[in-house]
Amino acid sequence: MSAATPLRVFSGCGIELEYMIVDRDTLDVRPIADELLRSPDGSWSTDRDRGAFGWSNELAAHLVEVKSNDPMQPLPSLPAGFADEVSEINDALARVDAMLMPGAIHPWMDPRTETRLWPHEYAEIYASYDRIFGCRRHGWTNLQSMHVNLPFHGDDEFARLHAMVRLLLPILPALAASSPIAEGTPTGWLDYRMECYRTNSARVPSMTGLVIPETVHSEADYRSRILEPMYRAIAPLDTEGVLQDEWLNSRGAIARFDRDAIEIRVIDTQECPRADLAIAAATIAVLHAWYDGETAEQELLNPLDSQRLLAILTACSRGAGPAVISDTEYLQRVGFPEPHCTAHELWRHLLDDTLFRDPGAREIWGKPLELILREGVLARRILRAIGADYRRESLREVFGRLCRCLDRDLLFRN
């Protein structure tokens, strides 16, 4: 996310969507992102600039990231733009009998044997990650998410936005969970990606912390409390000195001072860009309303503890919409009038009070969000479609439908 001049809070956004490359027939992962991203002159490249959008890779060679390059693009224009990029990629991959698969975890990939790390630019960084943490497992090379980047300008905007993001992170899986299956079996989590993500850096605990970031008041405070302890902790293991950068931070939302943005990382990739961007629109609308209102004032004066926010995040990662939230102070803080509720009851209240108050926004974003609130998150719809049959053929049929949804920008219904 970059702009010619600094952006004020909520004046733009940057979206990144991650997809896995799979075989068109078997749906097994295909580690061929380097071929897709190869420059016209034949040289290897980590990025392909396509004007308003771009394609890139990080870490795993079967992953491709599609991102919006202009943070000033209107959010309603992005679903069609991302859908066009997906079509372009699928057209290119069709020549080698491959295509893109949506969702946050490949349902039967064995990362221990099927992982191929990106071997070109930045390979030394990925080799260091692999040597220190062992990346051939879920949470490293089998995960796909949407990143929502929101700008800030100066310490006041940063501290206020960061406080609101902390408060929203715990309930985002209740809208976005799409990872219920790993290695061919149900995991017991609707957002298994987040559970893997929470523990993937356990060798250096300060990298992920409690997933919910610490409360901070300025860039200097953030560097002192979050970044510097993390750099010191990994230094004895980072013998090449290539990991001393702010992207090492693995919390559920991280500050990117190199581009004056906060990057939200807890949102699973959905079945199509229309669904992804609807969740992004809901995220931004709620954050904006809180930022401008009493919620921000209360949270800045008396922030809720990260541990209790993590408890809500864990419940929503496991159960999504039906997860019960009984932290009365949290509910009061976010403006819910009752002492307990399900996560989807809270989201219904928040959306009706923010995004859906605008009939135009409801018209644009309502169908994907109403589907989630009515029929469940994508993970629950996937499980319902599979039933009790976890044979490879059954998984291939359901996830083949998901691939078709992605290719045609359609919502997944049972």
Protein backbone atom coordinates (compact mmCIF):
# COMPACT_ATOMS: atom_id res chain seq x y z
CA MET A 1 0.00 0.00 0.00
CA SER A 2 1.53 3.27 -1.11
CA ALA A 3 0.43 6.75 -2.12
CA ALA A 4 2.10 9.87 -3.49
CA THR A 5 1.06 11.87 -0.42
CA PRO A 6 0.33 10.65 3.12
CA LEU A 7 -3.22 9.38 3.54
CA ARG A 8 -5.37 10.32 6.50
CA VAL A 9 -7.22 7.65 8.40
CA PHE A 10 -10.07 6.01 6.41
CA SER A 11 -9.16 7.97 3.27
CA GLY A 12 -8.09 4.80 1.47
CA CYS A 13 -7.33 1.13 1.91
CA GLY A 14 -5.17 -1.61 0.46
CA ILE A 15 -6.43 -5.18 -0.03
CA GLU A 16 -4.38 -8.35 -0.51
CA LEU A 17 -5.97 -11.71 -1.35
CA GLU A 18 -4.01 -14.97 -1.20
CA TYR A 19 -4.87 -18.05 -3.26
CA MET A 20 -3.32 -21.48 -3.74
CA ILE A 21 -2.39 -22.88 -7.16
CA VAL A 22 -3.77 -26.38 -7.66
CA ASP A 23 -3.93 -29.00 -10.40
CA ARG A 24 -7.06 -28.60 -12.51
CA ASP A 25 -7.94 -32.31 -12.25
CA THR A 26 -6.66 -33.56 -8.89
CA LEU A 27 -6.77 -30.22 -6.99
CA ASP A 28 -3.40 -31.11 -5.44
CA VAL A 29 -1.15 -28.09 -4.85
CA ARG A 30 1.09 -27.08 -7.74
CA PRO A 31 4.25 -25.12 -6.73
CA ILE A 32 4.47 -23.13 -9.97
CA ALA A 33 3.96 -19.52 -8.84
CA ASP A 34 7.40 -18.66 -10.18
CA GLU A 35 6.31 -19.63 -13.69
CA LEU A 36 3.20 -17.48 -13.36
CA LEU A 37 5.21 -14.49 -12.13
CA ARG A 38 8.14 -14.83 -14.55
CA SER A 39 8.87 -11.52 -16.29
CA PRO A 40 8.27 -11.18 -20.06
CA ASP A 41 12.05 -11.17 -20.59
CA GLY A 42 12.26 -14.58 -18.89
CA SER A 43 13.80 -13.42 -15.61
CA TRP A 44 12.40 -14.51 -12.25
CA SER A 45 10.31 -11.99 -10.35
CA THR A 46 8.49 -11.96 -7.04
CA ASP A 47 6.03 -9.34 -8.31
CA ARG A 48 4.04 -8.71 -11.48
CA ASP A 49 2.84 -5.10 -11.73
CA ARG A 50 -0.47 -4.82 -13.58
CA GLY A 51 -1.29 -1.17 -12.98
CA ALA A 52 -4.19 -0.92 -10.53
CA PHE A 53 -3.44 -4.47 -9.31
CA GLY A 54 -0.42 -6.67 -8.81
CA TRP A 55 0.49 -10.34 -8.38
CA SER A 56 3.17 -11.56 -6.01
CA ASN A 57 4.41 -14.48 -3.93
CA GLU A 58 5.52 -15.01 -0.35
CA LEU A 59 7.22 -18.11 1.09
CA ALA A 60 5.32 -21.04 -0.51
CA ALA A 61 5.73 -21.66 -4.24
CA HIS A 62 2.08 -22.72 -4.66
CA LEU A 63 0.74 -19.39 -3.37
CA VAL A 64 -0.08 -16.26 -5.35
CA GLU A 65 -1.18 -12.98 -3.81
CA VAL A 66 -3.38 -10.54 -5.73
CA LYS A 67 -3.28 -6.99 -4.37
CA SER A 68 -4.70 -3.57 -5.12
CA ASN A 69 -1.90 -1.12 -5.91
CA ASP A 70 -3.83 2.15 -5.59
CA PRO A 71 -5.13 2.77 -2.04
CA MET A 72 -7.44 5.46 -3.38
CA GLN A 73 -9.49 3.02 -5.50
CA PRO A 74 -13.12 3.10 -4.30
CA LEU A 75 -13.91 -0.07 -2.36
CA PRO A 76 -17.04 -0.88 -4.46
CA SER A 77 -14.85 -1.08 -7.58
CA LEU A 78 -12.53 -3.70 -6.13
CA PRO A 79 -14.62 -6.91 -6.36
CA ALA A 80 -14.86 -6.66 -10.15
CA GLY A 81 -11.19 -5.70 -10.40
CA PHE A 82 -10.06 -8.64 -8.30
CA ALA A 83 -12.39 -10.96 -10.23
CA ASP A 84 -10.79 -9.84 -13.49
CA GLU A 85 -7.32 -10.55 -12.07
CA VAL A 86 -8.42 -14.02 -10.96
CA SER A 87 -9.71 -14.69 -14.48
CA GLU A 88 -6.41 -13.56 -15.98
CA ILE A 89 -4.46 -15.85 -13.66
CA ASN A 90 -6.75 -18.79 -14.32
CA ASP A 91 -6.39 -18.26 -18.07
CA ALA A 92 -2.60 -18.33 -17.70
CA LEU A 93 -2.66 -21.39 -15.43
CA ALA A 94 -5.04 -23.28 -17.72
CA ARG A 95 -2.17 -23.66 -20.19
CA VAL A 96 -0.43 -25.92 -17.65
CA ASP A 97 -3.63 -27.60 -16.37
CA ALA A 98 -3.70 -25.61 -13.13
CA MET A 99 -6.02 -23.06 -11.50
CA LEU A 100 -6.61 -21.08 -8.31
CA MET A 101 -8.38 -22.47 -5.25
CA PRO A 102 -9.93 -20.19 -2.59
CA GLY A 103 -10.23 -20.78 1.14
CA ALA A 104 -7.74 -20.42 3.95
CA ILE A 105 -6.25 -23.95 4.10
CA HIS A 106 -5.85 -26.60 1.42
CA PRO A 107 -8.03 -29.46 2.70
CA TRP A 108 -5.61 -32.35 2.16
CA MET A 109 -2.16 -30.86 1.52
CA ASP A 110 0.58 -32.45 3.62
CA PRO A 111 2.98 -29.53 4.13
CA ARG A 112 5.69 -31.86 5.46
CA THR A 113 6.08 -33.49 2.04
CA GLU A 114 4.46 -31.09 -0.45
CA THR A 115 6.01 -27.78 0.55
CA ARG A 116 8.32 -26.07 -1.90
CA LEU A 117 9.70 -22.78 -0.63
CA TRP A 118 10.05 -19.84 -3.02
CA PRO A 119 13.56 -20.28 -4.47
CA HIS A 120 14.21 -16.87 -6.05
CA GLU A 121 14.20 -13.30 -4.70
CA TYR A 122 14.06 -13.17 -0.87
CA ALA A 123 14.89 -16.89 -0.73
CA GLU A 124 17.44 -16.23 2.02
CA ILE A 125 14.69 -14.75 4.22
CA TYR A 126 12.43 -17.76 3.70
CA ALA A 127 15.34 -20.13 4.33
CA SER A 128 15.96 -18.40 7.66
CA TYR A 129 12.30 -18.70 8.64
CA ASP A 130 12.39 -22.39 7.72
CA ARG A 131 15.60 -23.05 9.65
CA ILE A 132 14.31 -21.31 12.78
CA PHE A 133 10.64 -22.32 12.82
CA GLY A 134 10.25 -25.25 10.43
CA CYS A 135 7.88 -23.86 7.81
CA ARG A 136 6.76 -27.20 6.37
CA ARG A 137 3.54 -27.23 8.39
CA HIS A 138 0.14 -25.62 8.63
CA GLY A 139 0.31 -22.00 9.67
CA TRP A 140 3.33 -21.38 7.45
CA THR A 141 3.01 -22.92 4.00
CA ASN A 142 -0.65 -23.96 4.05
CA LEU A 143 -2.61 -20.79 4.75
CA GLN A 144 -4.30 -18.08 2.74
CA SER A 145 -5.82 -14.87 4.09
CA MET A 146 -7.04 -11.42 3.18
CA HIS A 147 -4.99 -8.51 4.48
CA VAL A 148 -6.78 -5.18 4.95
CA ASN A 149 -4.37 -2.23 5.11
CA LEU A 150 -5.71 0.99 6.64
CA PRO A 151 -3.72 4.24 6.58
CA PHE A 152 -2.93 6.64 9.38
CA HIS A 153 -1.10 9.94 9.57
CA GLY A 154 0.77 10.77 12.77
CA ASP A 155 0.70 9.33 16.26
CA ASP A 156 -2.82 10.44 17.19
CA GLU A 157 -4.44 8.70 14.24
CA PHE A 158 -2.21 5.67 14.68
CA ALA A 159 -3.00 5.19 18.38
CA ARG A 160 -6.74 5.63 17.90
CA LEU A 161 -6.94 3.34 14.87
CA HIS A 162 -4.75 0.71 16.53
CA ALA A 163 -7.01 0.72 19.60
CA MET A 164 -10.11 0.13 17.45
CA VAL A 165 -8.42 -2.64 15.45
CA ARG A 166 -7.50 -4.44 18.70
CA LEU A 167 -11.15 -4.36 19.69
CA LEU A 168 -12.46 -5.73 16.37
CA LEU A 169 -9.93 -8.52 15.79
CA PRO A 170 -11.59 -11.04 18.17
CA ILE A 171 -14.87 -11.20 16.25
CA LEU A 172 -13.59 -11.16 12.66
CA PRO A 173 -13.41 -14.99 12.41
CA ALA A 174 -17.15 -15.04 13.13
CA LEU A 175 -17.62 -13.51 9.66
CA ALA A 176 -14.64 -14.96 7.83
CA ALA A 177 -13.76 -18.48 9.06
CA SER A 178 -13.13 -20.71 6.03
CA SER A 179 -10.65 -23.33 7.24
CA PRO A 180 -12.40 -26.29 8.94
CA ILE A 181 -10.43 -29.16 7.34
CA ALA A 182 -6.76 -30.11 7.29
CA GLU A 183 -5.10 -33.25 5.94
CA GLY A 184 -8.47 -34.64 4.93
CA THR A 185 -10.22 -34.49 8.31
CA PRO A 186 -12.29 -31.94 10.28
CA THR A 187 -10.12 -30.08 12.78
CA GLY A 188 -12.75 -29.05 15.32
CA TRP A 189 -12.07 -25.43 14.39
CA LEU A 190 -13.95 -23.40 11.81
CA ASP A 191 -10.92 -21.11 11.56
CA TYR A 192 -8.10 -23.63 11.92
CA ARG A 193 -5.78 -21.24 10.08
CA MET A 194 -5.94 -18.85 13.04
CA GLU A 195 -5.23 -21.60 15.55
CA CYS A 196 -2.16 -22.64 13.55
CA TYR A 197 -1.16 -19.01 13.08
CA ARG A 198 -1.38 -18.44 16.84
CA THR A 199 1.26 -21.07 17.56
CA ASN A 200 3.50 -21.11 14.47
CA SER A 201 6.17 -18.85 16.01
CA ALA A 202 6.22 -20.44 19.47
CA ARG A 203 10.03 -20.68 19.43
CA VAL A 204 10.11 -16.85 19.61
CA PRO A 205 6.91 -15.99 21.54
CA SER A 206 7.32 -12.23 21.20
CA MET A 207 6.76 -12.48 17.43
CA THR A 208 3.07 -13.34 17.77
CA GLY A 209 2.48 -12.30 21.37
CA LEU A 210 -1.16 -12.99 22.22
CA VAL A 211 -2.21 -12.38 18.59
CA ILE A 212 -4.15 -9.37 19.91
CA PRO A 213 -1.56 -6.57 19.92
CA GLU A 214 -0.51 -4.75 23.05
CA THR A 215 -1.97 -1.32 23.80
CA VAL A 216 0.31 1.43 22.48
CA HIS A 217 0.13 5.22 22.26
CA SER A 218 2.62 6.21 19.55
CA GLU A 219 5.09 4.88 17.01
CA ALA A 220 7.91 5.21 19.56
CA ASP A 221 5.84 3.27 22.10
CA TYR A 222 5.13 0.54 19.51
CA ARG A 223 8.79 0.21 18.61
CA SER A 224 9.79 0.06 22.27
CA ARG A 225 7.11 -2.40 23.44
CA ILE A 226 6.65 -4.64 20.39
CA LEU A 227 9.34 -4.36 17.71
CA GLU A 228 12.57 -4.00 19.68
CA PRO A 229 11.90 -6.92 22.10
CA MET A 230 11.08 -9.08 19.08
CA TYR A 231 14.27 -8.13 17.26
CA ARG A 232 16.34 -8.87 20.38
CA ALA A 233 14.63 -12.21 20.93
CA ILE A 234 15.26 -13.51 17.42
CA ALA A 235 18.78 -12.10 17.02
CA PRO A 236 20.61 -15.19 18.41
CA LEU A 237 18.71 -17.38 15.91
CA ASP A 238 18.84 -14.97 12.98
CA THR A 239 22.52 -15.58 12.29
CA GLU A 240 22.37 -13.93 8.86
CA GLY A 241 20.63 -10.84 10.25
CA VAL A 242 17.93 -10.86 7.56
CA LEU A 243 14.83 -10.84 9.79
CA GLN A 244 15.25 -7.54 11.62
CA ASP A 245 12.28 -5.81 10.04
CA GLU A 246 8.73 -4.86 11.03
CA TRP A 247 7.22 -7.61 8.84
CA LEU A 248 8.69 -10.11 11.33
CA ASN A 249 5.80 -9.12 13.60
CA SER A 250 3.17 -11.89 13.44
CA ARG A 251 0.35 -10.43 15.52
CA GLY A 252 -3.18 -10.44 14.18
CA ALA A 253 -2.69 -6.83 13.11
CA ILE A 254 0.69 -5.20 12.61
CA ALA A 255 1.88 -1.63 12.17
CA ARG A 256 3.67 -0.99 8.88
CA PHE A 257 5.46 2.30 9.50
CA ASP A 258 7.23 1.89 6.17
CA ARG A 259 3.89 2.73 4.54
CA ASP A 260 1.97 4.32 7.46
CA ALA A 261 -0.69 1.63 7.62
CA ILE A 262 -2.07 -0.99 9.97
CA GLU A 263 -2.36 -4.42 8.33
CA ILE A 264 -5.18 -6.66 9.58
CA ARG A 265 -4.29 -10.34 9.16
CA VAL A 266 -7.00 -12.44 10.84
CA ILE A 267 -9.44 -12.68 7.90
CA ASP A 268 -9.59 -16.02 6.04
CA THR A 269 -9.83 -15.89 2.24
CA GLN A 270 -13.41 -16.49 1.05
CA GLU A 271 -14.90 -18.24 -1.99
CA CYS A 272 -14.85 -15.19 -4.26
CA PRO A 273 -13.71 -11.54 -4.28
CA ARG A 274 -17.30 -10.34 -3.80
CA ALA A 275 -17.41 -12.09 -0.41
CA ASP A 276 -13.88 -11.00 0.56
CA LEU A 277 -14.56 -7.35 -0.17
CA ALA A 278 -17.91 -7.42 1.64
CA ILE A 279 -16.09 -8.54 4.78
CA ALA A 280 -13.51 -5.80 4.20
CA ALA A 281 -16.33 -3.25 3.86
CA ALA A 282 -17.92 -4.47 7.11
CA THR A 283 -14.55 -4.29 8.87
CA ILE A 284 -13.88 -0.74 7.73
CA ALA A 285 -17.42 0.51 8.46
CA VAL A 286 -17.39 -0.75 12.05
CA LEU A 287 -13.88 0.54 12.72
CA HIS A 288 -14.80 3.95 11.31
CA ALA A 289 -17.92 4.22 13.47
CA TRP A 290 -16.02 3.23 16.60
CA TYR A 291 -13.12 5.54 15.76
CA ASP A 292 -15.46 8.54 15.57
CA GLY A 293 -17.51 7.67 18.63
CA GLU A 294 -17.61 6.88 22.31
CA THR A 295 -16.00 3.46 21.84
CA ALA A 296 -12.64 5.02 20.98
CA GLU A 297 -12.75 7.42 23.91
CA GLN A 298 -13.45 4.60 26.36
CA GLU A 299 -10.85 2.26 24.91
CA LEU A 300 -8.10 4.89 24.89
CA LEU A 301 -8.79 5.74 28.54
CA ASN A 302 -9.30 2.19 29.80
CA PRO A 303 -8.19 -0.43 27.23
CA LEU A 304 -9.40 -3.99 27.55
CA ASP A 305 -6.71 -6.55 28.30
CA SER A 306 -5.29 -8.54 25.39
CA GLN A 307 -5.84 -11.83 27.22
CA ARG A 308 -9.60 -11.35 27.51
CA LEU A 309 -9.77 -10.27 23.86
CA LEU A 310 -7.85 -13.42 22.92
CA ALA A 311 -10.49 -15.50 24.74
CA ILE A 312 -13.17 -14.05 22.44
CA LEU A 313 -10.96 -14.57 19.38
CA THR A 314 -10.43 -18.22 20.35
CA ALA A 315 -14.16 -18.81 20.80
CA CYS A 316 -14.95 -17.21 17.43
CA SER A 317 -12.13 -19.14 15.71
CA ARG A 318 -13.55 -22.39 17.02
CA GLY A 319 -17.28 -21.79 16.59
CA ALA A 320 -17.68 -18.66 14.42
CA GLY A 321 -21.21 -17.22 14.38
CA PRO A 322 -22.83 -19.34 17.14
CA ALA A 323 -19.92 -18.66 19.53
CA VAL A 324 -21.29 -17.10 22.70
CA ILE A 325 -19.76 -13.84 23.89
CA SER A 326 -20.41 -13.30 27.59
CA ASP A 327 -17.79 -10.66 28.36
CA THR A 328 -20.23 -7.94 29.41
CA GLU A 329 -17.63 -5.18 29.50
CA TYR A 330 -16.55 -5.99 25.94
CA LEU A 331 -20.15 -5.92 24.73
CA GLN A 332 -20.78 -2.62 26.50
CA ARG A 333 -17.60 -1.20 25.00
CA VAL A 334 -18.72 -2.00 21.44
CA GLY A 335 -22.26 -0.77 22.02
CA PHE A 336 -24.23 -4.00 22.37
CA PRO A 337 -27.16 -3.54 24.79
CA GLU A 338 -27.35 -7.05 26.30
CA PRO A 339 -24.95 -8.87 28.71
CA HIS A 340 -24.34 -11.79 26.31
CA CYS A 341 -25.01 -12.79 22.72
CA THR A 342 -23.76 -14.96 19.89
CA ALA A 343 -21.10 -13.55 17.62
CA HIS A 344 -23.56 -13.33 14.73
CA GLU A 345 -26.08 -11.46 16.90
CA LEU A 346 -23.33 -8.97 17.64
CA TRP A 347 -22.41 -8.68 13.96
CA ARG A 348 -26.07 -8.17 13.02
CA HIS A 349 -26.26 -5.32 15.52
CA LEU A 350 -22.99 -3.76 14.33
CA LEU A 351 -23.87 -3.97 10.63
CA ASP A 352 -27.36 -2.59 11.12
CA ASP A 353 -25.82 0.28 13.08
CA THR A 354 -23.05 1.05 10.56
CA LEU A 355 -22.74 -0.34 7.03
CA PHE A 356 -26.41 -1.18 6.49
CA ARG A 357 -27.61 2.26 7.55
CA ASP A 358 -26.64 3.34 4.04
CA PRO A 359 -29.08 1.79 1.51
CA GLY A 360 -26.44 2.04 -1.21
CA ALA A 361 -23.91 0.11 0.86
CA ARG A 362 -26.52 -2.50 1.73
CA GLU A 363 -27.25 -2.92 -1.98
CA ILE A 364 -23.55 -3.43 -2.78
CA TRP A 365 -22.45 -5.57 0.15
CA GLY A 366 -25.66 -7.01 1.60
CA LYS A 367 -25.94 -10.35 -0.23
CA PRO A 368 -22.58 -11.84 0.87
CA LEU A 369 -22.96 -10.61 4.45
CA GLU A 370 -26.60 -11.72 4.76
CA LEU A 371 -25.61 -15.16 3.44
CA ILE A 372 -22.98 -15.43 6.18
CA LEU A 373 -25.37 -14.31 8.91
CA ARG A 374 -28.20 -16.54 7.65
CA GLU A 375 -26.42 -19.74 6.54
CA GLY A 376 -23.12 -19.50 8.40
CA VAL A 377 -19.52 -18.70 7.59
CA LEU A 378 -17.92 -20.37 4.59
CA ALA A 379 -16.36 -23.03 6.84
CA ARG A 380 -19.79 -24.12 8.07
CA ARG A 381 -21.20 -24.16 4.53
CA ILE A 382 -18.25 -26.32 3.44
CA LEU A 383 -18.85 -28.81 6.26
CA ARG A 384 -22.56 -28.92 5.48
CA ALA A 385 -21.82 -29.69 1.83
CA ILE A 386 -19.41 -32.49 2.78
CA GLY A 387 -21.71 -34.06 5.36
CA ALA A 388 -19.98 -37.09 6.88
CA ASP A 389 -18.11 -38.13 3.74
CA TYR A 390 -14.43 -37.16 3.96
CA ARG A 391 -13.21 -39.39 1.19
CA ARG A 392 -10.90 -37.63 -1.26
CA GLU A 393 -13.53 -37.81 -4.00
CA SER A 394 -16.06 -36.00 -1.81
CA LEU A 395 -13.59 -33.31 -0.79
CA ARG A 396 -12.55 -32.89 -4.42
CA GLU A 397 -16.18 -32.37 -5.49
CA VAL A 398 -16.88 -29.71 -2.84
CA PHE A 399 -13.62 -27.86 -3.31
CA GLY A 400 -14.02 -28.08 -7.07
CA ARG A 401 -17.26 -26.16 -6.60
CA LEU A 402 -15.34 -23.59 -4.57
CA CYS A 403 -12.84 -23.22 -7.42
CA ARG A 404 -15.70 -22.57 -9.81
CA CYS A 405 -17.13 -19.97 -7.41
CA LEU A 406 -13.79 -18.19 -7.40
CA ASP A 407 -13.44 -18.31 -11.18
CA ARG A 408 -16.96 -16.89 -11.70
CA ASP A 409 -17.10 -14.62 -8.61
CA LEU A 410 -20.09 -16.53 -7.20
CA LEU A 411 -21.16 -17.08 -3.60
CA PHE A 412 -20.99 -20.66 -2.27
CA ARG A 413 -24.37 -22.04 -1.29
CA ASN A 414 -25.35 -25.56 -0.33
